[in-house]
Structure formats: structure tokens, C-alpha cells
């Protein structure tokens, strides 16, 4: 196998702030932000949706898109309202 061809696979915490869920797993994702969990310091990656906040699992509706799709389309193609 070719040396130094693959990214580092290390422990990372994925955090859903809106759902209050943190999950320690291993990933190739990295982050400069860190969090202390169980006495250890890990890089933390914030996610928009997890099982703790997804409408299918919670039964509650929630708007995830902070910028509307129509507004994004208009800005991208320079269309005035």
C-alpha cells in the first residue's frame, strides 16, 4: 500500500447543539475546535441534524435551512424580488 496516501483516522466528537447530543466516534474529519469529554480532549465537529433533532425521529417539525431556498436561488442568479 502507498505510504501517506490516506488521511488520519482519529477519535472525533460530533455534536448536535440543537438536540444536545454528543457522539464520540472515529473519523477522518478534523477541526480546530476541541471539547473535553470523559476527561479527554477531542476535536469537535458540529452537525446540523442528528437523531436527537431530526423531525422523523422527534416527531416535531423544525426549520434547518437558515437561508431560504428561494432567496438563495435569487442571489445566485441575480434575480430581484
PDB file of N, CA and C in Angstrom:
ATOM      1  N   UNK A   1       0.841  -1.173   0.000  1.00  0.00           N
ATOM      2  CA  UNK A   1       0.000   0.000   0.000  1.00  0.00           C
ATOM      3  C   UNK A   1       0.891   1.243   0.000  1.00  0.00           C
ATOM      4  N   UNK A   2       0.460   2.276  -0.691  1.00  0.00           N
ATOM      5  CA  UNK A   2       1.203   3.520  -0.786  1.00  0.00           C
ATOM      6  C   UNK A   2       1.208   4.232   0.565  1.00  0.00           C
ATOM      7  N   UNK A   3       2.365   4.650   1.028  1.00  0.00           N
ATOM      8  CA  UNK A   3       2.503   5.339   2.313  1.00  0.00           C
ATOM      9  C   UNK A   3       1.994   6.776   2.213  1.00  0.00           C
ATOM     10  N   UNK A   4       1.414   7.277   3.303  1.00  0.00           N
ATOM     11  CA  UNK A   4       0.930   8.657   3.440  1.00  0.00           C
ATOM     12  C   UNK A   4      -0.100   9.046   2.380  1.00  0.00           C
ATOM     13  N   UNK A   5      -0.870   8.097   1.883  1.00  0.00           N
ATOM     14  CA  UNK A   5      -1.879   8.384   0.872  1.00  0.00           C
ATOM     15  C   UNK A   5      -3.260   8.610   1.486  1.00  0.00           C
ATOM     16  N   UNK A   6      -3.454   8.166   2.710  1.00  0.00           N
ATOM     17  CA  UNK A   6      -4.770   8.250   3.336  1.00  0.00           C
ATOM     18  C   UNK A   6      -4.765   9.252   4.484  1.00  0.00           C
ATOM     19  N   UNK A   7      -5.911   9.927   4.712  1.00  0.00           N
ATOM     20  CA  UNK A   7      -5.993  10.861   5.837  1.00  0.00           C
ATOM     21  C   UNK A   7      -5.955  10.123   7.169  1.00  0.00           C
ATOM     22  N   UNK A   8      -5.602  10.850   8.210  1.00  0.00           N
ATOM     23  CA  UNK A   8      -5.531  10.263   9.551  1.00  0.00           C
ATOM     24  C   UNK A   8      -6.933   9.930  10.053  1.00  0.00           C
ATOM     25  N   UNK A   9      -7.076   8.768  10.638  1.00  0.00           N
ATOM     26  CA  UNK A   9      -8.335   8.276  11.180  1.00  0.00           C
ATOM     27  C   UNK A   9      -8.212   8.321  12.696  1.00  0.00           C
ATOM     28  N   UNK A  10      -8.920   9.265  13.320  1.00  0.00           N
ATOM     29  CA  UNK A  10      -8.717   9.505  14.748  1.00  0.00           C
ATOM     30  C   UNK A  10     -10.050   9.748  15.453  1.00  0.00           C
ATOM     31  N   UNK A  11     -10.056   9.696  16.784  1.00  0.00           N
ATOM     32  CA  UNK A  11     -11.293   9.983  17.537  1.00  0.00           C
ATOM     33  C   UNK A  11     -11.745  11.431  17.330  1.00  0.00           C
ATOM     34  N   UNK A  12     -13.054  11.610  17.115  1.00  0.00           N
ATOM     35  CA  UNK A  12     -13.660  12.924  16.906  1.00  0.00           C
ATOM     36  C   UNK A  12     -15.026  12.900  17.590  1.00  0.00           C
ATOM     37  N   UNK A  13     -15.436  14.030  18.148  1.00  0.00           N
ATOM     38  CA  UNK A  13     -16.772  14.161  18.740  1.00  0.00           C
ATOM     39  C   UNK A  13     -17.642  14.928  17.756  1.00  0.00           C
ATOM     40  N   UNK A  14     -18.776  14.330  17.384  1.00  0.00           N
ATOM     41  CA  UNK A  14     -19.773  15.014  16.582  1.00  0.00           C
ATOM     42  C   UNK A  14     -20.832  15.532  17.534  1.00  0.00           C
ATOM     43  N   UNK A  15     -21.175  16.834  17.388  1.00  0.00           N
ATOM     44  CA  UNK A  15     -22.090  17.480  18.332  1.00  0.00           C
ATOM     45  C   UNK A  15     -23.253  18.125  17.591  1.00  0.00           C
ATOM     46  N   UNK A  16     -24.457  17.841  18.055  1.00  0.00           N
ATOM     47  CA  UNK A  16     -25.668  18.497  17.569  1.00  0.00           C
ATOM     48  C   UNK A  16     -26.118  19.426  18.692  1.00  0.00           C
ATOM     49  N   UNK A  17     -25.847  20.703  18.544  1.00  0.00           N
ATOM     50  CA  UNK A  17     -26.164  21.665  19.604  1.00  0.00           C
ATOM     51  C   UNK A  17     -27.659  21.788  19.837  1.00  0.00           C
ATOM     52  N   UNK A  18     -28.458  21.732  18.776  1.00  0.00           N
ATOM     53  CA  UNK A  18     -29.900  21.914  18.951  1.00  0.00           C
ATOM     54  C   UNK A  18     -30.536  20.720  19.639  1.00  0.00           C
ATOM     55  N   UNK A  19     -29.986  19.531  19.441  1.00  0.00           N
ATOM     56  CA  UNK A  19     -30.543  18.337  20.062  1.00  0.00           C
ATOM     57  C   UNK A  19     -29.855  17.957  21.350  1.00  0.00           C
ATOM     58  N   UNK A  20     -28.722  18.608  21.651  1.00  0.00           N
ATOM     59  CA  UNK A  20     -27.994  18.316  22.875  1.00  0.00           C
ATOM     60  C   UNK A  20     -27.296  16.967  22.859  1.00  0.00           C
ATOM     61  N   UNK A  21     -26.938  16.486  21.684  1.00  0.00           N
ATOM     62  CA  UNK A  21     -26.323  15.166  21.548  1.00  0.00           C
ATOM     63  C   UNK A  21     -24.843  15.301  21.202  1.00  0.00           C
ATOM     64  N   UNK A  22     -24.002  14.551  21.886  1.00  0.00           N
ATOM     65  CA  UNK A  22     -22.596  14.440  21.506  1.00  0.00           C
ATOM     66  C   UNK A  22     -22.298  12.962  21.310  1.00  0.00           C
ATOM     67  N   UNK A  23     -21.533  12.655  20.258  1.00  0.00           N
ATOM     68  CA  UNK A  23     -21.221  11.273  19.950  1.00  0.00           C
ATOM     69  C   UNK A  23     -19.731  11.156  19.631  1.00  0.00           C
ATOM     70  N   UNK A  24     -19.039  10.354  20.411  1.00  0.00           N
ATOM     71  CA  UNK A  24     -17.622  10.101  20.194  1.00  0.00           C
ATOM     72  C   UNK A  24     -17.474   8.929  19.242  1.00  0.00           C
ATOM     73  N   UNK A  25     -16.757   9.142  18.154  1.00  0.00           N
ATOM     74  CA  UNK A  25     -16.518   8.103  17.161  1.00  0.00           C
ATOM     75  C   UNK A  25     -15.169   8.363  16.511  1.00  0.00           C
ATOM     76  N   UNK A  26     -14.805   7.575  15.548  1.00  0.00           N
ATOM     77  CA  UNK A  26     -13.562   7.786  14.808  1.00  0.00           C
ATOM     78  C   UNK A  26     -13.918   8.263  13.413  1.00  0.00           C
ATOM     79  N   UNK A  27     -13.132   9.206  12.893  1.00  0.00           N
ATOM     80  CA  UNK A  27     -13.423   9.780  11.596  1.00  0.00           C
ATOM     81  C   UNK A  27     -12.165  10.391  11.001  1.00  0.00           C
ATOM     82  N   UNK A  28     -12.228  10.707   9.709  1.00  0.00           N
ATOM     83  CA  UNK A  28     -11.149  11.445   9.057  1.00  0.00           C
ATOM     84  C   UNK A  28     -11.399  12.945   9.114  1.00  0.00           C
ATOM     85  N   UNK A  29     -12.595  13.367   9.571  1.00  0.00           N
ATOM     86  CA  UNK A  29     -12.890  14.788   9.729  1.00  0.00           C
ATOM     87  C   UNK A  29     -12.009  15.375  10.821  1.00  0.00           C
ATOM     88  N   UNK A  30     -11.587  16.610  10.639  1.00  0.00           N
ATOM     89  CA  UNK A  30     -10.779  17.295  11.635  1.00  0.00           C
ATOM     90  C   UNK A  30     -11.407  18.639  11.962  1.00  0.00           C
ATOM     91  N   UNK A  31     -10.967  19.209  13.056  1.00  0.00           N
ATOM     92  CA  UNK A  31     -11.479  20.504  13.488  1.00  0.00           C
ATOM     93  C   UNK A  31     -10.445  21.159  14.395  1.00  0.00           C
ATOM     94  N   UNK A  32     -10.420  22.476  14.383  1.00  0.00           N
ATOM     95  CA  UNK A  32      -9.532  23.198  15.290  1.00  0.00           C
ATOM     96  C   UNK A  32     -10.188  23.406  16.642  1.00  0.00           C
ATOM     97  N   UNK A  33     -11.519  23.296  16.688  1.00  0.00           N
ATOM     98  CA  UNK A  33     -12.261  23.436  17.942  1.00  0.00           C
ATOM     99  C   UNK A  33     -12.187  22.115  18.702  1.00  0.00           C
ATOM    100  N   UNK A  34     -12.059  22.199  20.016  1.00  0.00           N
ATOM    101  CA  UNK A  34     -11.966  20.983  20.832  1.00  0.00           C
ATOM    102  C   UNK A  34     -13.022  20.985  21.923  1.00  0.00           C
ATOM    103  N   UNK A  35     -13.252  19.807  22.486  1.00  0.00           N
ATOM    104  CA  UNK A  35     -14.193  19.631  23.581  1.00  0.00           C
ATOM    105  C   UNK A  35     -13.606  18.593  24.534  1.00  0.00           C
ATOM    106  N   UNK A  36     -13.886  18.770  25.832  1.00  0.00           N
ATOM    107  CA  UNK A  36     -13.440  17.784  26.806  1.00  0.00           C
ATOM    108  C   UNK A  36     -14.599  16.837  27.095  1.00  0.00           C
ATOM    109  N   UNK A  37     -14.338  15.544  26.950  1.00  0.00           N
ATOM    110  CA  UNK A  37     -15.354  14.529  27.143  1.00  0.00           C
ATOM    111  C   UNK A  37     -14.725  13.363  27.879  1.00  0.00           C
ATOM    112  N   UNK A  38     -15.278  13.009  29.012  1.00  0.00           N
ATOM    113  CA  UNK A  38     -14.772  11.905  29.843  1.00  0.00           C
ATOM    114  C   UNK A  38     -13.298  12.092  30.217  1.00  0.00           C
ATOM    115  N   UNK A  39     -12.897  13.335  30.487  1.00  0.00           N
ATOM    116  CA  UNK A  39     -11.533  13.614  30.912  1.00  0.00           C
ATOM    117  C   UNK A  39     -10.505  13.679  29.788  1.00  0.00           C
ATOM    118  N   UNK A  40     -10.928  13.508  28.547  1.00  0.00           N
ATOM    119  CA  UNK A  40     -10.034  13.578  27.390  1.00  0.00           C
ATOM    120  C   UNK A  40     -10.447  14.754  26.513  1.00  0.00           C
ATOM    121  N   UNK A  41      -9.508  15.306  25.767  1.00  0.00           N
ATOM    122  CA  UNK A  41      -9.791  16.392  24.844  1.00  0.00           C
ATOM    123  C   UNK A  41      -9.809  15.844  23.428  1.00  0.00           C
ATOM    124  N   UNK A  42     -10.903  16.136  22.699  1.00  0.00           N
ATOM    125  CA  UNK A  42     -11.083  15.661  21.340  1.00  0.00           C
ATOM    126  C   UNK A  42     -11.455  16.823  20.427  1.00  0.00           C
ATOM    127  N   UNK A  43     -11.150  16.726  19.131  1.00  0.00           N
ATOM    128  CA  UNK A  43     -11.690  17.713  18.189  1.00  0.00           C
ATOM    129  C   UNK A  43     -13.198  17.527  18.088  1.00  0.00           C
ATOM    130  N   UNK A  44     -13.928  18.615  17.896  1.00  0.00           N
ATOM    131  CA  UNK A  44     -15.388  18.547  17.825  1.00  0.00           C
ATOM    132  C   UNK A  44     -15.853  19.110  16.486  1.00  0.00           C
ATOM    133  N   UNK A  45     -16.816  18.402  15.868  1.00  0.00           N
ATOM    134  CA  UNK A  45     -17.423  18.824  14.613  1.00  0.00           C
ATOM    135  C   UNK A  45     -18.906  19.016  14.871  1.00  0.00           C
ATOM    136  N   UNK A  46     -19.427  20.220  14.593  1.00  0.00           N
ATOM    137  CA  UNK A  46     -20.844  20.498  14.790  1.00  0.00           C
ATOM    138  C   UNK A  46     -21.627  20.063  13.553  1.00  0.00           C
ATOM    139  N   UNK A  47     -22.752  19.393  13.790  1.00  0.00           N
ATOM    140  CA  UNK A  47     -23.629  18.950  12.707  1.00  0.00           C
ATOM    141  C   UNK A  47     -24.977  19.642  12.841  1.00  0.00           C
ATOM    142  N   UNK A  48     -25.679  19.811  11.712  1.00  0.00           N
ATOM    143  CA  UNK A  48     -26.970  20.488  11.723  1.00  0.00           C
ATOM    144  C   UNK A  48     -28.087  19.589  12.213  1.00  0.00           C
ATOM    145  N   UNK A  49     -28.051  18.323  11.830  1.00  0.00           N
ATOM    146  CA  UNK A  49     -29.136  17.402  12.149  1.00  0.00           C
ATOM    147  C   UNK A  49     -28.565  16.074  12.622  1.00  0.00           C
ATOM    148  N   UNK A  50     -29.175  15.536  13.666  1.00  0.00           N
ATOM    149  CA  UNK A  50     -28.822  14.198  14.145  1.00  0.00           C
ATOM    150  C   UNK A  50     -30.117  13.501  14.553  1.00  0.00           C
ATOM    151  N   UNK A  51     -30.012  12.306  15.076  1.00  0.00           N
ATOM    152  CA  UNK A  51     -31.201  11.588  15.524  1.00  0.00           C
ATOM    153  C   UNK A  51     -31.902  12.334  16.659  1.00  0.00           C
ATOM    154  N   UNK A  52     -31.166  13.172  17.401  1.00  0.00           N
ATOM    155  CA  UNK A  52     -31.755  13.922  18.505  1.00  0.00           C
ATOM    156  C   UNK A  52     -32.580  15.119  18.038  1.00  0.00           C
ATOM    157  N   UNK A  53     -32.359  15.582  16.790  1.00  0.00           N
ATOM    158  CA  UNK A  53     -33.093  16.762  16.332  1.00  0.00           C
ATOM    159  C   UNK A  53     -33.822  16.564  15.004  1.00  0.00           C
ATOM    160  N   UNK A  54     -33.700  15.403  14.372  1.00  0.00           N
ATOM    161  CA  UNK A  54     -34.356  15.175  13.084  1.00  0.00           C
ATOM    162  C   UNK A  54     -35.866  15.013  13.296  1.00  0.00           C
ATOM    163  N   UNK A  55     -36.674  15.713  12.484  1.00  0.00           N
ATOM    164  CA  UNK A  55     -38.128  15.652  12.664  1.00  0.00           C
ATOM    165  C   UNK A  55     -38.702  14.236  12.591  1.00  0.00           C
ATOM    166  N   UNK A  56     -38.122  13.369  11.792  1.00  0.00           N
ATOM    167  CA  UNK A  56     -38.634  12.000  11.701  1.00  0.00           C
ATOM    168  C   UNK A  56     -38.512  11.280  13.036  1.00  0.00           C
ATOM    169  N   UNK A  57     -37.405  11.466  13.726  1.00  0.00           N
ATOM    170  CA  UNK A  57     -37.173  10.762  14.985  1.00  0.00           C
ATOM    171  C   UNK A  57     -37.818  11.454  16.178  1.00  0.00           C
ATOM    172  N   UNK A  58     -37.941  12.779  16.128  1.00  0.00           N
ATOM    173  CA  UNK A  58     -38.509  13.501  17.268  1.00  0.00           C
ATOM    174  C   UNK A  58     -40.008  13.706  17.153  1.00  0.00           C
ATOM    175  N   UNK A  59     -40.538  13.660  15.925  1.00  0.00           N
ATOM    176  CA  UNK A  59     -41.959  13.907  15.718  1.00  0.00           C
ATOM    177  C   UNK A  59     -42.309  15.380  15.728  1.00  0.00           C
ATOM    178  N   UNK A  60     -41.309  16.241  15.744  1.00  0.00           N
ATOM    179  CA  UNK A  60     -41.520  17.684  15.763  1.00  0.00           C
ATOM    180  C   UNK A  60     -40.942  18.295  14.501  1.00  0.00           C
ATOM    181  N   UNK A  61     -41.652  19.256  13.932  1.00  0.00           N
ATOM    182  CA  UNK A  61     -41.142  19.974  12.768  1.00  0.00           C
ATOM    183  C   UNK A  61     -40.080  20.968  13.193  1.00  0.00           C
ATOM    184  N   UNK A  62     -39.101  21.199  12.314  1.00  0.00           N
ATOM    185  CA  UNK A  62     -38.031  22.137  12.627  1.00  0.00           C
ATOM    186  C   UNK A  62     -37.464  22.666  11.325  1.00  0.00           C
ATOM    187  N   UNK A  63     -37.195  23.952  11.265  1.00  0.00           N
ATOM    188  CA  UNK A  63     -36.595  24.551  10.082  1.00  0.00           C
ATOM    189  C   UNK A  63     -35.086  24.489  10.240  1.00  0.00           C
ATOM    190  N   UNK A  64     -34.430  23.786   9.325  1.00  0.00           N
ATOM    191  CA  UNK A  64     -32.984  23.637   9.384  1.00  0.00           C
ATOM    192  C   UNK A  64     -32.306  24.658   8.493  1.00  0.00           C
ATOM    193  N   UNK A  65     -32.952  24.973   7.382  1.00  0.00           N
ATOM    194  CA  UNK A  65     -32.364  25.875   6.394  1.00  0.00           C
ATOM    195  C   UNK A  65     -32.389  27.304   6.921  1.00  0.00           C
ATOM    196  N   UNK A  66     -31.229  27.850   7.263  1.00  0.00           N
ATOM    197  CA  UNK A  66     -31.171  29.211   7.793  1.00  0.00           C
ATOM    198  C   UNK A  66     -31.373  30.236   6.687  1.00  0.00           C
ATOM    199  N   UNK A  67     -31.095  29.864   5.464  1.00  0.00           N
ATOM    200  CA  UNK A  67     -31.312  30.735   4.319  1.00  0.00           C
ATOM    201  C   UNK A  67     -32.295  30.020   3.417  1.00  0.00           C
ATOM    202  N   UNK A  68     -33.394  30.703   3.087  1.00  0.00           N
ATOM    203  CA  UNK A  68     -34.425  30.063   2.275  1.00  0.00           C
ATOM    204  C   UNK A  68     -33.919  29.678   0.902  1.00  0.00           C
ATOM    205  N   UNK A  69     -34.501  28.646   0.322  1.00  0.00           N
ATOM    206  CA  UNK A  69     -34.070  28.159  -0.989  1.00  0.00           C
ATOM    207  C   UNK A  69     -34.347  29.187  -2.072  1.00  0.00           C
ATOM    208  N   UNK A  70     -35.481  29.891  -1.969  1.00  0.00           N
ATOM    209  CA  UNK A  70     -35.823  30.897  -2.976  1.00  0.00           C
ATOM    210  C   UNK A  70     -34.829  32.052  -2.919  1.00  0.00           C
ATOM    211  N   UNK A  71     -34.515  32.514  -1.707  1.00  0.00           N
ATOM    212  CA  UNK A  71     -33.564  33.613  -1.570  1.00  0.00           C
ATOM    213  C   UNK A  71     -32.179  33.208  -2.081  1.00  0.00           C
ATOM    214  N   UNK A  72     -31.794  31.994  -1.829  1.00  0.00           N
ATOM    215  CA  UNK A  72     -30.500  31.500  -2.307  1.00  0.00           C
ATOM    216  C   UNK A  72     -30.484  31.467  -3.838  1.00  0.00           C
ATOM    217  N   UNK A  73     -31.575  31.015  -4.454  1.00  0.00           N
ATOM    218  CA  UNK A  73     -31.686  30.976  -5.905  1.00  0.00           C
ATOM    219  C   UNK A  73     -31.605  32.388  -6.481  1.00  0.00           C
ATOM    220  N   UNK A  74     -32.357  33.310  -5.902  1.00  0.00           N
ATOM    221  CA  UNK A  74     -32.361  34.694  -6.395  1.00  0.00           C
ATOM    222  C   UNK A  74     -30.980  35.338  -6.285  1.00  0.00           C
ATOM    223  N   UNK A  75     -30.297  35.100  -5.175  1.00  0.00           N
ATOM    224  CA  UNK A  75     -28.970  35.679  -5.009  1.00  0.00           C
ATOM    225  C   UNK A  75     -27.991  35.076  -6.010  1.00  0.00           C
ATOM    226  N   UNK A  76     -28.083  33.767  -6.218  1.00  0.00           N
ATOM    227  CA  UNK A  76     -27.161  33.082  -7.127  1.00  0.00           C
ATOM    228  C   UNK A  76     -27.306  33.585  -8.563  1.00  0.00           C
ATOM    229  N   UNK A  77     -28.542  33.806  -8.995  1.00  0.00           N
ATOM    230  CA  UNK A  77     -28.779  34.188 -10.377  1.00  0.00           C
ATOM    231  C   UNK A  77     -29.103  35.682 -10.553  1.00  0.00           C
ATOM    232  N   UNK A  78     -28.958  36.471  -9.496  1.00  0.00           N
ATOM    233  CA  UNK A  78     -29.116  37.912  -9.577  1.00  0.00           C
ATOM    234  C   UNK A  78     -30.521  38.367  -9.908  1.00  0.00           C
ATOM    235  N   UNK A  79     -31.512  37.644  -9.452  1.00  0.00           N
ATOM    236  CA  UNK A  79     -32.902  37.987  -9.723  1.00  0.00           C
ATOM    237  C   UNK A  79     -33.412  38.858  -8.581  1.00  0.00           C
ATOM    238  N   UNK A  80     -33.960  40.014  -8.945  1.00  0.00           N
ATOM    239  CA  UNK A  80     -34.513  40.932  -7.948  1.00  0.00           C
ATOM    240  C   UNK A  80     -35.915  40.497  -7.549  1.00  0.00           C
ATOM    241  N   UNK A  81     -36.311  40.813  -6.335  1.00  0.00           N
ATOM    242  CA  UNK A  81     -37.656  40.452  -5.835  1.00  0.00           C
ATOM    243  C   UNK A  81     -38.718  41.289  -6.458  1.00  0.00           C
TER     244      UNK A  81
END
